[in-house]
Amino acid sequence: MTPAVRPAATVVVLRPRSSDDPEPELYMLRRSAKSAFMPDALVFPGGRVEDEDAQAQDEGEDAQFARAAQRECLEEASLALDLAKLRWFDTWTTPSAESRRRFTARFYLTTIAPDQGHEAVADGEETHAGRWASAATILDQWRAEQVDLPPPTLSIMMGLANGHWREWLARPSASAREPILPKVVPLDTSIQIVMPHDPEYAQLPGDTGSVPERVHPLPRRFVRAGKRWVPQS
């Protein structure tokens, strides 16, 4: 039986490296190796939407997702964020081939001042080894197989390294509503993630999603090679 899809929220927290260097660094966490979902991967702070994130029955799910993003960032990384400054810019759904847990995760972006965020620390339970680093530095660590980045995280990291975060801050939330739903396909002794804009996507087994406009600049596939996911054009 395919597991139920649960709502989740994730936050990309950016801050300038200094008042003289406007290029941002971001805060990342390494998930516990014992985690049932994405063990030992480097991720942005985030987690499930909980009942406590609903303050009124009629306020709608958008407010609940945003409040979950704020709460999870505080719980996982001790970062207190301004709810009004969270910008929803992307959404991904876990492939239906995932046999344990599935999520529809909304990704939020926010910026803080250079003198903020020094209190950030991993919770030591679900996550550890919290770090501030530039997207370029994290991608160098990924290429060296020092960190594992799940395909959604890797896609966003590549966009951050190319400066797309400025565009994401201005992106209308309506354009992020349709989730990106990849498919998982066996490949010899490994596996690959097939994205919605791949020509073979619709014919492959698994739940089929739409093809949001924002998916087109991303790689068509990701192949598991060694200790990392590698994008394929």
Protein backbone atom coordinates (compact mmCIF):
# COMPACT_ATOMS: atom_id res chain seq x y z
CA MET A 1 0.00 0.00 0.00
CA THR A 2 1.30 3.46 -0.94
CA PRO A 3 1.85 5.53 2.22
CA ALA A 4 -0.28 8.63 2.78
CA VAL A 5 1.21 11.93 1.67
CA ARG A 6 1.81 14.20 4.67
CA PRO A 7 2.21 18.00 4.56
CA ALA A 8 5.62 19.42 5.46
CA ALA A 9 7.49 22.72 5.34
CA THR A 10 11.17 23.56 4.87
CA VAL A 11 13.08 26.84 5.16
CA VAL A 12 16.12 28.15 3.29
CA VAL A 13 17.60 30.76 5.65
CA LEU A 14 20.03 33.16 3.95
CA ARG A 15 22.22 35.88 5.43
CA PRO A 16 24.99 38.05 3.90
CA ARG A 17 28.43 36.82 4.87
CA SER A 18 29.25 40.35 6.08
CA SER A 19 28.16 43.93 5.60
CA ASP A 20 30.86 44.21 2.92
CA ASP A 21 30.02 40.90 1.21
CA PRO A 22 26.34 40.70 0.16
CA GLU A 23 26.56 37.17 -1.24
CA PRO A 24 24.66 34.91 1.17
CA GLU A 25 25.47 31.87 3.21
CA LEU A 26 22.77 29.48 4.36
CA TYR A 27 22.12 27.24 7.34
CA MET A 28 22.11 23.47 6.83
CA LEU A 29 21.64 20.46 9.09
CA ARG A 30 22.72 16.84 8.78
CA ARG A 31 19.93 14.39 9.50
CA SER A 32 20.55 11.58 11.96
CA ALA A 33 21.91 8.36 10.45
CA LYS A 34 19.10 6.59 12.35
CA SER A 35 16.37 8.65 10.71
CA ALA A 36 13.70 6.72 8.82
CA PHE A 37 13.59 9.43 6.14
CA MET A 38 16.70 10.71 4.30
CA PRO A 39 19.19 9.38 6.88
CA ASP A 40 22.52 11.24 7.11
CA ALA A 41 21.53 13.71 4.36
CA LEU A 42 22.32 17.41 4.52
CA VAL A 43 19.03 19.33 4.53
CA PHE A 44 17.39 22.67 5.27
CA PRO A 45 15.54 22.99 8.59
CA GLY A 46 11.98 21.69 8.34
CA GLY A 47 9.46 19.00 9.17
CA ARG A 48 5.81 17.98 9.25
CA VAL A 49 2.84 20.29 9.56
CA GLU A 50 1.31 19.52 12.95
CA ASP A 51 -2.13 20.15 14.45
CA GLU A 52 -0.62 22.92 16.59
CA ASP A 53 0.17 24.90 13.43
CA ALA A 54 -3.56 25.59 12.91
CA GLN A 55 -4.67 28.54 15.00
CA ALA A 56 -8.13 28.83 13.45
CA GLN A 57 -10.19 26.27 11.52
CA ASP A 58 -11.04 28.71 8.75
CA GLU A 59 -7.61 30.29 8.17
CA GLY A 60 -6.61 27.89 5.37
CA GLU A 61 -3.67 25.57 4.80
CA ASP A 62 -1.30 28.27 3.51
CA ALA A 63 -1.05 29.84 6.97
CA GLN A 64 -0.57 26.42 8.56
CA PHE A 65 2.32 25.52 6.25
CA ALA A 66 4.04 28.85 6.92
CA ARG A 67 3.59 28.50 10.67
CA ALA A 68 5.03 24.97 10.52
CA ALA A 69 8.06 26.32 8.66
CA GLN A 70 8.60 28.92 11.38
CA ARG A 71 8.11 26.41 14.21
CA GLU A 72 10.34 23.70 12.72
CA CYS A 73 13.17 26.16 12.14
CA LEU A 74 13.03 27.16 15.80
CA GLU A 75 12.83 23.55 17.04
CA GLU A 76 15.51 22.10 14.75
CA ALA A 77 17.94 24.99 14.50
CA SER A 78 17.04 27.50 17.28
CA LEU A 79 16.43 30.13 14.59
CA ALA A 80 13.50 32.46 15.36
CA LEU A 81 12.15 33.74 12.04
CA ASP A 82 9.71 36.49 11.13
CA LEU A 83 6.59 34.76 9.76
CA ALA A 84 5.82 37.72 7.51
CA LYS A 85 9.21 37.40 5.78
CA LEU A 86 8.83 33.75 4.76
CA ARG A 87 8.44 33.47 0.97
CA TRP A 88 6.99 30.25 -0.42
CA PHE A 89 8.87 29.55 -3.66
CA ASP A 90 8.78 25.80 -4.37
CA THR A 91 6.89 22.55 -3.62
CA TRP A 92 7.93 18.90 -4.02
CA THR A 93 6.08 15.62 -3.39
CA THR A 94 7.92 12.40 -2.52
CA PRO A 95 7.63 9.77 -5.32
CA SER A 96 4.95 7.10 -4.86
CA ALA A 97 7.67 4.41 -4.96
CA GLU A 98 8.81 5.55 -1.51
CA SER A 99 7.68 2.66 0.70
CA ARG A 100 8.08 4.34 4.10
CA ARG A 101 7.14 8.02 4.17
CA ARG A 102 5.81 10.52 1.67
CA PHE A 103 5.53 14.29 2.02
CA THR A 104 4.32 17.25 0.06
CA ALA A 105 6.90 19.79 1.23
CA ARG A 106 6.64 23.51 0.66
CA PHE A 107 9.97 25.32 0.50
CA TYR A 108 10.23 28.80 1.98
CA LEU A 109 12.99 31.37 1.64
CA THR A 110 13.90 34.13 4.07
CA THR A 111 16.81 36.47 4.65
CA ILE A 112 18.28 37.71 7.92
CA ALA A 113 20.91 40.35 8.74
CA PRO A 114 24.66 39.55 8.86
CA ASP A 115 24.69 39.92 12.66
CA GLN A 116 21.81 37.46 13.17
CA GLY A 117 21.73 33.66 13.29
CA HIS A 118 24.79 33.13 15.51
CA GLU A 119 22.57 31.22 17.95
CA ALA A 120 21.74 28.59 15.32
CA VAL A 121 22.44 25.04 16.48
CA ALA A 122 21.19 21.57 15.56
CA ASP A 123 18.76 19.93 17.98
CA GLY A 124 21.13 16.96 18.52
CA GLU A 125 18.30 14.44 18.07
CA GLU A 126 16.83 14.46 14.57
CA THR A 127 19.69 16.62 13.30
CA HIS A 128 23.32 17.43 14.09
CA ALA A 129 26.36 19.15 12.58
CA GLY A 130 24.59 22.43 11.82
CA ARG A 131 26.58 24.81 9.66
CA TRP A 132 26.52 28.18 7.92
CA ALA A 133 28.14 27.93 4.49
CA SER A 134 27.78 29.28 0.97
CA ALA A 135 25.97 27.23 -1.65
CA ALA A 136 29.23 26.95 -3.59
CA THR A 137 31.01 25.47 -0.56
CA ILE A 138 28.26 22.92 0.03
CA LEU A 139 28.29 21.91 -3.63
CA ASP A 140 32.07 21.41 -3.43
CA GLN A 141 31.50 19.10 -0.45
CA TRP A 142 28.80 17.26 -2.42
CA ARG A 143 31.14 16.74 -5.39
CA ALA A 144 33.75 15.32 -3.00
CA GLU A 145 31.05 12.95 -1.58
CA GLN A 146 31.46 14.53 1.84
CA VAL A 147 27.73 15.32 2.05
CA ASP A 148 24.60 13.74 0.57
CA LEU A 149 22.04 16.15 -0.91
CA PRO A 150 18.57 14.77 -1.80
CA PRO A 151 17.42 15.77 -5.32
CA PRO A 152 15.11 18.61 -4.15
CA THR A 153 17.87 20.02 -1.93
CA LEU A 154 20.46 19.63 -4.68
CA SER A 155 18.19 21.36 -7.21
CA ILE A 156 17.67 24.31 -4.89
CA MET A 157 21.37 24.43 -3.98
CA MET A 158 22.34 24.70 -7.65
CA GLY A 159 19.86 27.55 -8.05
CA LEU A 160 21.26 29.32 -4.99
CA ALA A 161 24.79 29.03 -6.35
CA ASN A 162 23.56 30.69 -9.57
CA GLY A 163 21.97 33.58 -7.69
CA HIS A 164 18.36 32.59 -8.36
CA TRP A 165 17.35 33.33 -4.78
CA ARG A 166 16.66 36.95 -5.71
CA GLU A 167 14.09 35.77 -8.25
CA TRP A 168 12.61 33.31 -5.74
CA LEU A 169 12.01 36.09 -3.20
CA ALA A 170 9.81 37.81 -5.80
CA ARG A 171 8.15 34.64 -7.15
CA PRO A 172 4.34 34.67 -6.72
CA SER A 173 3.28 31.89 -4.36
CA ALA A 174 0.64 30.79 -6.90
CA SER A 175 3.44 29.63 -9.22
CA ALA A 176 4.77 27.34 -6.45
CA ARG A 177 1.45 25.64 -5.71
CA GLU A 178 1.75 22.75 -8.18
CA PRO A 179 4.15 20.21 -6.64
CA ILE A 180 7.05 18.67 -8.50
CA LEU A 181 6.40 14.91 -8.34
CA PRO A 182 9.36 12.79 -9.53
CA LYS A 183 9.32 9.05 -10.22
CA VAL A 184 11.81 6.41 -9.05
CA VAL A 185 13.11 3.95 -11.65
CA PRO A 186 15.62 1.07 -11.21
CA LEU A 187 18.88 1.46 -13.10
CA ASP A 188 21.14 -1.63 -13.23
CA THR A 189 22.36 -1.92 -9.62
CA SER A 190 21.31 1.63 -8.74
CA ILE A 191 18.23 3.84 -9.02
CA GLN A 192 17.35 7.07 -10.77
CA ILE A 193 14.91 9.88 -10.12
CA VAL A 194 12.97 10.93 -13.23
CA MET A 195 11.58 14.46 -13.28
CA PRO A 196 8.22 15.52 -14.77
CA HIS A 197 9.78 17.25 -17.80
CA ASP A 198 11.66 14.12 -18.89
CA PRO A 199 10.22 12.79 -22.20
CA GLU A 200 9.71 9.30 -20.71
CA TYR A 201 8.13 10.47 -17.45
CA ALA A 202 4.45 9.98 -18.36
CA GLN A 203 4.98 6.38 -19.50
CA LEU A 204 6.88 5.27 -16.40
CA PRO A 205 5.11 3.52 -13.48
CA GLY A 206 4.15 5.48 -10.40
CA ASP A 207 1.98 8.46 -9.56
CA THR A 208 2.13 11.03 -12.36
CA GLY A 209 2.06 14.76 -11.67
CA SER A 210 1.84 17.91 -13.75
CA VAL A 211 4.80 19.72 -15.32
CA PRO A 212 5.12 23.07 -13.52
CA GLU A 213 6.89 25.80 -15.45
CA ARG A 214 9.57 26.14 -12.75
CA VAL A 215 10.74 22.54 -13.28
CA HIS A 216 12.10 23.12 -16.81
CA PRO A 217 15.51 24.61 -15.80
CA LEU A 218 16.18 21.59 -13.54
CA PRO A 219 17.97 18.35 -14.56
CA ARG A 220 15.71 15.76 -16.18
CA ARG A 221 17.05 12.92 -14.01
CA PHE A 222 19.17 12.19 -10.94
CA VAL A 223 21.20 8.98 -10.73
CA ARG A 224 22.48 7.49 -7.49
CA ALA A 225 26.23 7.14 -7.94
CA GLY A 226 28.35 6.18 -4.96
CA LYS A 227 27.36 8.34 -1.99
CA ARG A 228 25.57 11.07 -3.89
CA TRP A 229 22.84 11.91 -6.38
CA VAL A 230 24.23 13.06 -9.74
CA PRO A 231 22.09 15.20 -12.10
CA GLN A 232 21.64 14.06 -15.70
CA SER A 233 20.52 16.36 -18.54
